[in-house]
């Protein structure tokens, strides 16, 4: 729905951003029967980093023997110049394979 004038809306979950993370968040909320509004400054997709990167997602589980969760963690921490919250990186790396499977489905 495109709002052309001021309207009052209500929802259980408001997601701001129409990139991959925003869309995934909206899907998760909807799967839990929440009333969801997704707000984005443009049409969904074209100005998001997910679109700009052509939806390239760093993740383990692509079938190569030299890539596992620990390699993913090390690559992410190194790419973040060691400024990352390493416990959060580890949590993210644990879930990448299941999230890629979810997104494929």
PDB file of N, CA and C in Angstrom:
ATOM      1  N   UNK A   1       0.844  -1.161   0.000  1.00  0.00           N
ATOM      2  CA  UNK A   1       0.000   0.000   0.000  1.00  0.00           C
ATOM      3  C   UNK A   1       0.898   1.235   0.000  1.00  0.00           C
ATOM      4  N   UNK A   2       0.624   2.150  -0.874  1.00  0.00           N
ATOM      5  CA  UNK A   2       1.371   3.395  -0.958  1.00  0.00           C
ATOM      6  C   UNK A   2       0.547   4.479  -0.289  1.00  0.00           C
ATOM      7  N   UNK A   3       1.115   5.131   0.705  1.00  0.00           N
ATOM      8  CA  UNK A   3       0.405   6.195   1.413  1.00  0.00           C
ATOM      9  C   UNK A   3       0.698   7.520   0.732  1.00  0.00           C
ATOM     10  N   UNK A   4      -0.340   8.195   0.322  1.00  0.00           N
ATOM     11  CA  UNK A   4      -0.178   9.492  -0.333  1.00  0.00           C
ATOM     12  C   UNK A   4      -0.490  10.653   0.611  1.00  0.00           C
ATOM     13  N   UNK A   5      -1.136  10.356   1.705  1.00  0.00           N
ATOM     14  CA  UNK A   5      -1.443  11.390   2.689  1.00  0.00           C
ATOM     15  C   UNK A   5      -1.245  10.786   4.080  1.00  0.00           C
ATOM     16  N   UNK A   6      -1.334  11.629   5.064  1.00  0.00           N
ATOM     17  CA  UNK A   6      -1.125  11.155   6.427  1.00  0.00           C
ATOM     18  C   UNK A   6      -2.275  10.246   6.838  1.00  0.00           C
ATOM     19  N   UNK A   7      -1.931   9.066   7.278  1.00  0.00           N
ATOM     20  CA  UNK A   7      -2.905   8.107   7.778  1.00  0.00           C
ATOM     21  C   UNK A   7      -2.360   7.512   9.054  1.00  0.00           C
ATOM     22  N   UNK A   8      -3.259   7.049   9.896  1.00  0.00           N
ATOM     23  CA  UNK A   8      -2.845   6.367  11.113  1.00  0.00           C
ATOM     24  C   UNK A   8      -2.998   4.871  10.876  1.00  0.00           C
ATOM     25  N   UNK A   9      -1.921   4.141  11.052  1.00  0.00           N
ATOM     26  CA  UNK A   9      -1.914   2.694  10.888  1.00  0.00           C
ATOM     27  C   UNK A   9      -1.463   2.059  12.194  1.00  0.00           C
ATOM     28  N   UNK A  10      -1.870   0.835  12.423  1.00  0.00           N
ATOM     29  CA  UNK A  10      -1.378   0.113  13.595  1.00  0.00           C
ATOM     30  C   UNK A  10      -0.977  -1.289  13.164  1.00  0.00           C
ATOM     31  N   UNK A  11      -0.072  -1.873  13.925  1.00  0.00           N
ATOM     32  CA  UNK A  11       0.413  -3.210  13.621  1.00  0.00           C
ATOM     33  C   UNK A  11       1.064  -3.791  14.870  1.00  0.00           C
ATOM     34  N   UNK A  12       1.339  -5.089  14.805  1.00  0.00           N
ATOM     35  CA  UNK A  12       2.082  -5.728  15.887  1.00  0.00           C
ATOM     36  C   UNK A  12       3.576  -5.490  15.720  1.00  0.00           C
ATOM     37  N   UNK A  13       4.037  -5.530  14.459  1.00  0.00           N
ATOM     38  CA  UNK A  13       5.463  -5.395  14.153  1.00  0.00           C
ATOM     39  C   UNK A  13       5.641  -4.418  13.000  1.00  0.00           C
ATOM     40  N   UNK A  14       6.483  -3.428  13.204  1.00  0.00           N
ATOM     41  CA  UNK A  14       6.847  -2.486  12.150  1.00  0.00           C
ATOM     42  C   UNK A  14       8.272  -2.780  11.743  1.00  0.00           C
ATOM     43  N   UNK A  15       8.477  -3.128  10.485  1.00  0.00           N
ATOM     44  CA  UNK A  15       9.812  -3.397   9.958  1.00  0.00           C
ATOM     45  C   UNK A  15      10.186  -2.206   9.078  1.00  0.00           C
ATOM     46  N   UNK A  16      11.333  -1.625   9.338  1.00  0.00           N
ATOM     47  CA  UNK A  16      11.793  -0.488   8.551  1.00  0.00           C
ATOM     48  C   UNK A  16      12.963  -0.954   7.695  1.00  0.00           C
ATOM     49  N   UNK A  17      12.742  -0.964   6.396  1.00  0.00           N
ATOM     50  CA  UNK A  17      13.769  -1.372   5.441  1.00  0.00           C
ATOM     51  C   UNK A  17      13.303  -2.543   4.599  1.00  0.00           C
ATOM     52  N   UNK A  18      13.462  -2.420   3.287  1.00  0.00           N
ATOM     53  CA  UNK A  18      12.988  -3.438   2.358  1.00  0.00           C
ATOM     54  C   UNK A  18      14.083  -4.268   1.746  1.00  0.00           C
ATOM     55  N   UNK A  19      15.244  -4.325   2.392  1.00  0.00           N
ATOM     56  CA  UNK A  19      16.314  -5.200   1.914  1.00  0.00           C
ATOM     57  C   UNK A  19      16.131  -6.612   2.440  1.00  0.00           C
ATOM     58  N   UNK A  20      17.137  -7.427   2.275  1.00  0.00           N
ATOM     59  CA  UNK A  20      17.063  -8.820   2.690  1.00  0.00           C
ATOM     60  C   UNK A  20      16.748  -8.996   4.161  1.00  0.00           C
ATOM     61  N   UNK A  21      17.396  -8.231   5.029  1.00  0.00           N
ATOM     62  CA  UNK A  21      17.161  -8.370   6.474  1.00  0.00           C
ATOM     63  C   UNK A  21      15.749  -7.929   6.839  1.00  0.00           C
ATOM     64  N   UNK A  22      15.285  -6.832   6.244  1.00  0.00           N
ATOM     65  CA  UNK A  22      13.937  -6.372   6.523  1.00  0.00           C
ATOM     66  C   UNK A  22      12.889  -7.358   6.054  1.00  0.00           C
ATOM     67  N   UNK A  23      13.076  -7.880   4.839  1.00  0.00           N
ATOM     68  CA  UNK A  23      12.125  -8.858   4.317  1.00  0.00           C
ATOM     69  C   UNK A  23      12.125 -10.126   5.164  1.00  0.00           C
ATOM     70  N   UNK A  24      13.299 -10.587   5.571  1.00  0.00           N
ATOM     71  CA  UNK A  24      13.395 -11.794   6.400  1.00  0.00           C
ATOM     72  C   UNK A  24      12.716 -11.551   7.752  1.00  0.00           C
ATOM     73  N   UNK A  25      12.884 -10.366   8.309  1.00  0.00           N
ATOM     74  CA  UNK A  25      12.240 -10.038   9.582  1.00  0.00           C
ATOM     75  C   UNK A  25      10.726 -10.024   9.443  1.00  0.00           C
ATOM     76  N   UNK A  26      10.227  -9.448   8.357  1.00  0.00           N
ATOM     77  CA  UNK A  26       8.788  -9.409   8.125  1.00  0.00           C
ATOM     78  C   UNK A  26       8.224 -10.821   7.964  1.00  0.00           C
ATOM     79  N   UNK A  27       8.946 -11.676   7.252  1.00  0.00           N
ATOM     80  CA  UNK A  27       8.515 -13.069   7.082  1.00  0.00           C
ATOM     81  C   UNK A  27       8.451 -13.771   8.436  1.00  0.00           C
ATOM     82  N   UNK A  28       9.488 -13.594   9.255  1.00  0.00           N
ATOM     83  CA  UNK A  28       9.515 -14.252  10.573  1.00  0.00           C
ATOM     84  C   UNK A  28       8.341 -13.792  11.428  1.00  0.00           C
ATOM     85  N   UNK A  29       8.057 -12.503  11.430  1.00  0.00           N
ATOM     86  CA  UNK A  29       6.946 -11.990  12.225  1.00  0.00           C
ATOM     87  C   UNK A  29       5.613 -12.539  11.714  1.00  0.00           C
ATOM     88  N   UNK A  30       5.455 -12.582  10.400  1.00  0.00           N
ATOM     89  CA  UNK A  30       4.212 -13.081   9.814  1.00  0.00           C
ATOM     90  C   UNK A  30       4.023 -14.563  10.112  1.00  0.00           C
ATOM     91  N   UNK A  31       5.116 -15.320  10.123  1.00  0.00           N
ATOM     92  CA  UNK A  31       5.034 -16.744  10.458  1.00  0.00           C
ATOM     93  C   UNK A  31       4.558 -16.966  11.898  1.00  0.00           C
ATOM     94  N   UNK A  32       4.712 -15.931  12.727  1.00  0.00           N
ATOM     95  CA  UNK A  32       4.216 -15.989  14.114  1.00  0.00           C
ATOM     96  C   UNK A  32       2.877 -15.262  14.235  1.00  0.00           C
ATOM     97  N   UNK A  33       2.193 -15.138  13.112  1.00  0.00           N
ATOM     98  CA  UNK A  33       0.842 -14.552  13.047  1.00  0.00           C
ATOM     99  C   UNK A  33       0.764 -13.093  13.489  1.00  0.00           C
ATOM    100  N   UNK A  34       1.849 -12.363  13.355  1.00  0.00           N
ATOM    101  CA  UNK A  34       1.831 -10.937  13.687  1.00  0.00           C
ATOM    102  C   UNK A  34       1.260 -10.152  12.510  1.00  0.00           C
ATOM    103  N   UNK A  35       0.619  -9.051  12.826  1.00  0.00           N
ATOM    104  CA  UNK A  35       0.181  -8.096  11.815  1.00  0.00           C
ATOM    105  C   UNK A  35       1.398  -7.225  11.519  1.00  0.00           C
ATOM    106  N   UNK A  36       1.908  -7.278  10.292  1.00  0.00           N
ATOM    107  CA  UNK A  36       3.190  -6.666   9.952  1.00  0.00           C
ATOM    108  C   UNK A  36       3.004  -5.526   8.954  1.00  0.00           C
ATOM    109  N   UNK A  37       3.705  -4.432   9.204  1.00  0.00           N
ATOM    110  CA  UNK A  37       3.842  -3.367   8.214  1.00  0.00           C
ATOM    111  C   UNK A  37       5.329  -3.242   7.923  1.00  0.00           C
ATOM    112  N   UNK A  38       5.664  -3.238   6.632  1.00  0.00           N
ATOM    113  CA  UNK A  38       7.049  -3.050   6.210  1.00  0.00           C
ATOM    114  C   UNK A  38       7.126  -1.678   5.549  1.00  0.00           C
ATOM    115  N   UNK A  39       7.979  -0.807   6.080  1.00  0.00           N
ATOM    116  CA  UNK A  39       8.128   0.548   5.554  1.00  0.00           C
ATOM    117  C   UNK A  39       9.499   0.675   4.893  1.00  0.00           C
ATOM    118  N   UNK A  40       9.508   1.231   3.707  1.00  0.00           N
ATOM    119  CA  UNK A  40      10.756   1.439   2.988  1.00  0.00           C
ATOM    120  C   UNK A  40      10.665   2.744   2.204  1.00  0.00           C
ATOM    121  N   UNK A  41      11.787   3.394   1.993  1.00  0.00           N
ATOM    122  CA  UNK A  41      11.763   4.696   1.320  1.00  0.00           C
ATOM    123  C   UNK A  41      11.608   4.576  -0.198  1.00  0.00           C
ATOM    124  N   UNK A  42      11.790   3.383  -0.717  1.00  0.00           N
ATOM    125  CA  UNK A  42      11.659   3.153  -2.159  1.00  0.00           C
ATOM    126  C   UNK A  42      10.842   1.886  -2.362  1.00  0.00           C
ATOM    127  N   UNK A  43      10.705   1.469  -3.595  1.00  0.00           N
ATOM    128  CA  UNK A  43      10.098   0.172  -3.845  1.00  0.00           C
ATOM    129  C   UNK A  43      10.970  -0.878  -3.173  1.00  0.00           C
ATOM    130  N   UNK A  44      10.368  -1.961  -2.783  1.00  0.00           N
ATOM    131  CA  UNK A  44      11.129  -3.005  -2.097  1.00  0.00           C
ATOM    132  C   UNK A  44      12.248  -3.493  -3.007  1.00  0.00           C
ATOM    133  N   UNK A  45      13.468  -3.434  -2.487  1.00  0.00           N
ATOM    134  CA  UNK A  45      14.595  -4.006  -3.190  1.00  0.00           C
ATOM    135  C   UNK A  45      15.601  -3.062  -3.792  1.00  0.00           C
ATOM    136  N   UNK A  46      15.232  -2.192  -4.758  1.00  0.00           N
ATOM    137  CA  UNK A  46      16.232  -1.522  -5.582  1.00  0.00           C
ATOM    138  C   UNK A  46      17.312  -0.705  -4.877  1.00  0.00           C
ATOM    139  N   UNK A  47      17.048  -0.214  -3.692  1.00  0.00           N
ATOM    140  CA  UNK A  47      18.052   0.606  -3.012  1.00  0.00           C
ATOM    141  C   UNK A  47      18.664  -0.088  -1.811  1.00  0.00           C
ATOM    142  N   UNK A  48      18.447  -1.390  -1.691  1.00  0.00           N
ATOM    143  CA  UNK A  48      18.987  -2.101  -0.540  1.00  0.00           C
ATOM    144  C   UNK A  48      20.369  -2.667  -0.867  1.00  0.00           C
ATOM    145  N   UNK A  49      21.137  -2.908   0.165  1.00  0.00           N
ATOM    146  CA  UNK A  49      22.450  -3.505  -0.032  1.00  0.00           C
ATOM    147  C   UNK A  49      22.323  -4.912  -0.609  1.00  0.00           C
ATOM    148  N   UNK A  50      21.255  -5.619  -0.242  1.00  0.00           N
ATOM    149  CA  UNK A  50      21.033  -6.962  -0.780  1.00  0.00           C
ATOM    150  C   UNK A  50      20.915  -6.900  -2.295  1.00  0.00           C
ATOM    151  N   UNK A  51      20.189  -5.926  -2.799  1.00  0.00           N
ATOM    152  CA  UNK A  51      20.028  -5.761  -4.252  1.00  0.00           C
ATOM    153  C   UNK A  51      21.351  -5.352  -4.897  1.00  0.00           C
ATOM    154  N   UNK A  52      22.013  -4.367  -4.286  1.00  0.00           N
ATOM    155  CA  UNK A  52      23.268  -3.860  -4.846  1.00  0.00           C
ATOM    156  C   UNK A  52      24.318  -4.963  -4.925  1.00  0.00           C
ATOM    157  N   UNK A  53      24.354  -5.844  -3.920  1.00  0.00           N
ATOM    158  CA  UNK A  53      25.345  -6.927  -3.902  1.00  0.00           C
ATOM    159  C   UNK A  53      24.902  -8.129  -4.741  1.00  0.00           C
ATOM    160  N   UNK A  54      23.766  -8.001  -5.413  1.00  0.00           N
ATOM    161  CA  UNK A  54      23.180  -9.100  -6.204  1.00  0.00           C
ATOM    162  C   UNK A  54      22.856 -10.302  -5.328  1.00  0.00           C
ATOM    163  N   UNK A  55      22.507 -10.011  -4.072  1.00  0.00           N
ATOM    164  CA  UNK A  55      22.095 -11.016  -3.090  1.00  0.00           C
ATOM    165  C   UNK A  55      23.196 -12.029  -2.786  1.00  0.00           C
ATOM    166  N   UNK A  56      24.442 -11.598  -2.891  1.00  0.00           N
ATOM    167  CA  UNK A  56      25.556 -12.459  -2.508  1.00  0.00           C
ATOM    168  C   UNK A  56      25.551 -12.562  -0.989  1.00  0.00           C
ATOM    169  N   UNK A  57      25.505 -13.776  -0.489  1.00  0.00           N
ATOM    170  CA  UNK A  57      25.436 -14.002   0.952  1.00  0.00           C
ATOM    171  C   UNK A  57      26.603 -14.888   1.361  1.00  0.00           C
ATOM    172  N   UNK A  58      27.381 -14.413   2.313  1.00  0.00           N
ATOM    173  CA  UNK A  58      28.475 -15.223   2.837  1.00  0.00           C
ATOM    174  C   UNK A  58      27.887 -16.242   3.802  1.00  0.00           C
ATOM    175  N   UNK A  59      28.136 -17.510   3.536  1.00  0.00           N
ATOM    176  CA  UNK A  59      27.596 -18.561   4.396  1.00  0.00           C
ATOM    177  C   UNK A  59      28.383 -19.843   4.200  1.00  0.00           C
ATOM    178  N   UNK A  60      28.320 -20.691   5.198  1.00  0.00           N
ATOM    179  CA  UNK A  60      28.930 -22.014   5.095  1.00  0.00           C
ATOM    180  C   UNK A  60      27.909 -22.983   4.521  1.00  0.00           C
ATOM    181  N   UNK A  61      28.364 -24.182   4.236  1.00  0.00           N
ATOM    182  CA  UNK A  61      27.445 -25.218   3.807  1.00  0.00           C
ATOM    183  C   UNK A  61      27.231 -25.299   2.317  1.00  0.00           C
ATOM    184  N   UNK A  62      28.125 -24.739   1.534  1.00  0.00           N
ATOM    185  CA  UNK A  62      27.987 -24.793   0.079  1.00  0.00           C
ATOM    186  C   UNK A  62      28.642 -26.046  -0.496  1.00  0.00           C
ATOM    187  N   UNK A  63      29.109 -26.937   0.375  1.00  0.00           N
ATOM    188  CA  UNK A  63      29.627 -28.213  -0.101  1.00  0.00           C
ATOM    189  C   UNK A  63      31.130 -28.276  -0.283  1.00  0.00           C
ATOM    190  N   UNK A  64      31.868 -27.224   0.065  1.00  0.00           N
ATOM    191  CA  UNK A  64      33.314 -27.278  -0.068  1.00  0.00           C
ATOM    192  C   UNK A  64      33.929 -27.703   1.252  1.00  0.00           C
ATOM    193  N   UNK A  65      34.921 -28.563   1.170  1.00  0.00           N
ATOM    194  CA  UNK A  65      35.541 -29.127   2.373  1.00  0.00           C
ATOM    195  C   UNK A  65      36.330 -28.087   3.164  1.00  0.00           C
ATOM    196  N   UNK A  66      36.814 -27.036   2.496  1.00  0.00           N
ATOM    197  CA  UNK A  66      37.657 -26.058   3.178  1.00  0.00           C
ATOM    198  C   UNK A  66      36.860 -24.879   3.754  1.00  0.00           C
ATOM    199  N   UNK A  67      35.548 -24.998   3.776  1.00  0.00           N
ATOM    200  CA  UNK A  67      34.728 -23.920   4.310  1.00  0.00           C
ATOM    201  C   UNK A  67      33.800 -24.479   5.381  1.00  0.00           C
ATOM    202  N   UNK A  68      33.954 -23.992   6.579  1.00  0.00           N
ATOM    203  CA  UNK A  68      33.075 -24.407   7.668  1.00  0.00           C
ATOM    204  C   UNK A  68      32.776 -23.193   8.540  1.00  0.00           C
ATOM    205  N   UNK A  69      32.079 -23.422   9.611  1.00  0.00           N
ATOM    206  CA  UNK A  69      31.667 -22.344  10.505  1.00  0.00           C
ATOM    207  C   UNK A  69      32.865 -21.552  11.040  1.00  0.00           C
ATOM    208  N   UNK A  70      33.946 -22.234  11.391  1.00  0.00           N
ATOM    209  CA  UNK A  70      35.125 -21.544  11.930  1.00  0.00           C
ATOM    210  C   UNK A  70      35.801 -20.666  10.885  1.00  0.00           C
ATOM    211  N   UNK A  71      35.830 -21.123   9.647  1.00  0.00           N
ATOM    212  CA  UNK A  71      36.395 -20.312   8.559  1.00  0.00           C
ATOM    213  C   UNK A  71      35.531 -19.067   8.358  1.00  0.00           C
ATOM    214  N   UNK A  72      34.222 -19.261   8.387  1.00  0.00           N
ATOM    215  CA  UNK A  72      33.297 -18.133   8.227  1.00  0.00           C
ATOM    216  C   UNK A  72      33.511 -17.102   9.333  1.00  0.00           C
ATOM    217  N   UNK A  73      33.639 -17.559  10.563  1.00  0.00           N
ATOM    218  CA  UNK A  73      33.863 -16.657  11.694  1.00  0.00           C
ATOM    219  C   UNK A  73      35.176 -15.899  11.498  1.00  0.00           C
ATOM    220  N   UNK A  74      36.240 -16.613  11.176  1.00  0.00           N
ATOM    221  CA  UNK A  74      37.550 -15.971  10.992  1.00  0.00           C
ATOM    222  C   UNK A  74      37.508 -14.952   9.854  1.00  0.00           C
ATOM    223  N   UNK A  75      36.877 -15.304   8.735  1.00  0.00           N
ATOM    224  CA  UNK A  75      36.777 -14.381   7.600  1.00  0.00           C
ATOM    225  C   UNK A  75      35.990 -13.120   7.973  1.00  0.00           C
ATOM    226  N   UNK A  76      34.889 -13.304   8.713  1.00  0.00           N
ATOM    227  CA  UNK A  76      34.049 -12.174   9.093  1.00  0.00           C
ATOM    228  C   UNK A  76      34.766 -11.255  10.067  1.00  0.00           C
ATOM    229  N   UNK A  77      35.434 -11.823  11.033  1.00  0.00           N
ATOM    230  CA  UNK A  77      36.168 -11.015  12.016  1.00  0.00           C
ATOM    231  C   UNK A  77      37.316 -10.272  11.331  1.00  0.00           C
ATOM    232  N   UNK A  78      38.044 -10.956  10.477  1.00  0.00           N
ATOM    233  CA  UNK A  78      39.140 -10.314   9.752  1.00  0.00           C
ATOM    234  C   UNK A  78      38.598  -9.206   8.842  1.00  0.00           C
ATOM    235  N   UNK A  79      37.504  -9.475   8.133  1.00  0.00           N
ATOM    236  CA  UNK A  79      36.895  -8.473   7.257  1.00  0.00           C
ATOM    237  C   UNK A  79      36.377  -7.271   8.018  1.00  0.00           C
ATOM    238  N   UNK A  80      35.999  -7.473   9.260  1.00  0.00           N
ATOM    239  CA  UNK A  80      35.528  -6.389  10.124  1.00  0.00           C
ATOM    240  C   UNK A  80      36.639  -5.705  10.886  1.00  0.00           C
ATOM    241  N   UNK A  81      37.874  -5.993  10.488  1.00  0.00           N
ATOM    242  CA  UNK A  81      39.057  -5.381  11.117  1.00  0.00           C
ATOM    243  C   UNK A  81      39.105  -5.623  12.625  1.00  0.00           C
ATOM    244  N   UNK A  82      38.578  -6.779  13.053  1.00  0.00           N
ATOM    245  CA  UNK A  82      38.590  -7.213  14.449  1.00  0.00           C
ATOM    246  C   UNK A  82      37.780  -6.288  15.368  1.00  0.00           C
ATOM    247  N   UNK A  83      36.880  -5.495  14.768  1.00  0.00           N
ATOM    248  CA  UNK A  83      36.012  -4.618  15.547  1.00  0.00           C
ATOM    249  C   UNK A  83      34.669  -5.278  15.843  1.00  0.00           C
ATOM    250  N   UNK A  84      34.414  -6.428  15.214  1.00  0.00           N
ATOM    251  CA  UNK A  84      33.150  -7.146  15.390  1.00  0.00           C
ATOM    252  C   UNK A  84      32.988  -7.623  16.827  1.00  0.00           C
ATOM    253  N   UNK A  85      31.750  -7.767  17.237  1.00  0.00           N
ATOM    254  CA  UNK A  85      31.439  -8.469  18.477  1.00  0.00           C
ATOM    255  C   UNK A  85      31.547  -9.955  18.117  1.00  0.00           C
ATOM    256  N   UNK A  86      32.645 -10.580  18.514  1.00  0.00           N
ATOM    257  CA  UNK A  86      32.937 -11.934  18.045  1.00  0.00           C
ATOM    258  C   UNK A  86      31.917 -12.963  18.513  1.00  0.00           C
ATOM    259  N   UNK A  87      31.281 -12.745  19.659  1.00  0.00           N
ATOM    260  CA  UNK A  87      30.242 -13.693  20.089  1.00  0.00           C
ATOM    261  C   UNK A  87      29.018 -13.570  19.183  1.00  0.00           C
ATOM    262  N   UNK A  88      28.716 -12.367  18.714  1.00  0.00           N
ATOM    263  CA  UNK A  88      27.603 -12.185  17.776  1.00  0.00           C
ATOM    264  C   UNK A  88      27.946 -12.777  16.410  1.00  0.00           C
ATOM    265  N   UNK A  89      29.189 -12.637  15.979  1.00  0.00           N
ATOM    266  CA  UNK A  89      29.618 -13.238  14.714  1.00  0.00           C
ATOM    267  C   UNK A  89      29.459 -14.750  14.783  1.00  0.00           C
ATOM    268  N   UNK A  90      29.843 -15.339  15.909  1.00  0.00           N
ATOM    269  CA  UNK A  90      29.716 -16.793  16.075  1.00  0.00           C
ATOM    270  C   UNK A  90      28.248 -17.217  16.024  1.00  0.00           C
ATOM    271  N   UNK A  91      27.361 -16.461  16.672  1.00  0.00           N
ATOM    272  CA  UNK A  91      25.931 -16.786  16.632  1.00  0.00           C
ATOM    273  C   UNK A  91      25.396 -16.695  15.209  1.00  0.00           C
ATOM    274  N   UNK A  92      25.824 -15.669  14.479  1.00  0.00           N
ATOM    275  CA  UNK A  92      25.395 -15.506  13.100  1.00  0.00           C
ATOM    276  C   UNK A  92      25.885 -16.667  12.243  1.00  0.00           C
ATOM    277  N   UNK A  93      27.138 -17.042  12.412  1.00  0.00           N
ATOM    278  CA  UNK A  93      27.721 -18.117  11.612  1.00  0.00           C
ATOM    279  C   UNK A  93      27.039 -19.460  11.877  1.00  0.00           C
ATOM    280  N   UNK A  94      26.598 -19.662  13.113  1.00  0.00           N
ATOM    281  CA  UNK A  94      25.887 -20.900  13.450  1.00  0.00           C
ATOM    282  C   UNK A  94      24.600 -21.048  12.650  1.00  0.00           C
ATOM    283  N   UNK A  95      23.974 -19.928  12.301  1.00  0.00           N
ATOM    284  CA  UNK A  95      22.655 -19.955  11.676  1.00  0.00           C
ATOM    285  C   UNK A  95      22.672 -19.809  10.160  1.00  0.00           C
ATOM    286  N   UNK A  96      23.811 -19.496   9.580  1.00  0.00           N
ATOM    287  CA  UNK A  96      23.793 -19.179   8.153  1.00  0.00           C
ATOM    288  C   UNK A  96      23.280 -20.324   7.288  1.00  0.00           C
ATOM    289  N   UNK A  97      23.704 -21.539   7.570  1.00  0.00           N
ATOM    290  CA  UNK A  97      23.277 -22.658   6.733  1.00  0.00           C
ATOM    291  C   UNK A  97      21.758 -22.841   6.793  1.00  0.00           C
ATOM    292  N   UNK A  98      21.186 -22.786   7.992  1.00  0.00           N
ATOM    293  CA  UNK A  98      19.734 -22.956   8.103  1.00  0.00           C
ATOM    294  C   UNK A  98      18.985 -21.788   7.480  1.00  0.00           C
ATOM    295  N   UNK A  99      19.544 -20.587   7.567  1.00  0.00           N
ATOM    296  CA  UNK A  99      18.891 -19.426   6.947  1.00  0.00           C
ATOM    297  C   UNK A  99      18.935 -19.513   5.425  1.00  0.00           C
ATOM    298  N   UNK A 100      20.058 -19.960   4.876  1.00  0.00           N
ATOM    299  CA  UNK A 100      20.140 -20.107   3.411  1.00  0.00           C
ATOM    300  C   UNK A 100      19.124 -21.142   2.954  1.00  0.00           C
ATOM    301  N   UNK A 101      18.997 -22.233   3.684  1.00  0.00           N
ATOM    302  CA  UNK A 101      17.999 -23.253   3.344  1.00  0.00           C
ATOM    303  C   UNK A 101      16.605 -22.659   3.415  1.00  0.00           C
ATOM    304  N   UNK A 102      16.315 -21.877   4.454  1.00  0.00           N
ATOM    305  CA  UNK A 102      15.017 -21.223   4.595  1.00  0.00           C
ATOM    306  C   UNK A 102      14.745 -20.308   3.408  1.00  0.00           C
ATOM    307  N   UNK A 103      15.717 -19.483   3.043  1.00  0.00           N
ATOM    308  CA  UNK A 103      15.525 -18.530   1.940  1.00  0.00           C
ATOM    309  C   UNK A 103      15.348 -19.253   0.607  1.00  0.00           C
ATOM    310  N   UNK A 104      16.048 -20.348   0.410  1.00  0.00           N
ATOM    311  CA  UNK A 104      15.861 -21.129  -0.816  1.00  0.00           C
ATOM    312  C   UNK A 104      14.438 -21.651  -0.906  1.00  0.00           C
ATOM    313  N   UNK A 105      13.944 -22.152   0.236  1.00  0.00           N
ATOM    314  CA  UNK A 105      12.582 -22.707   0.271  1.00  0.00           C
ATOM    315  C   UNK A 105      11.549 -21.615   0.061  1.00  0.00           C
TER     316      UNK A 105
END
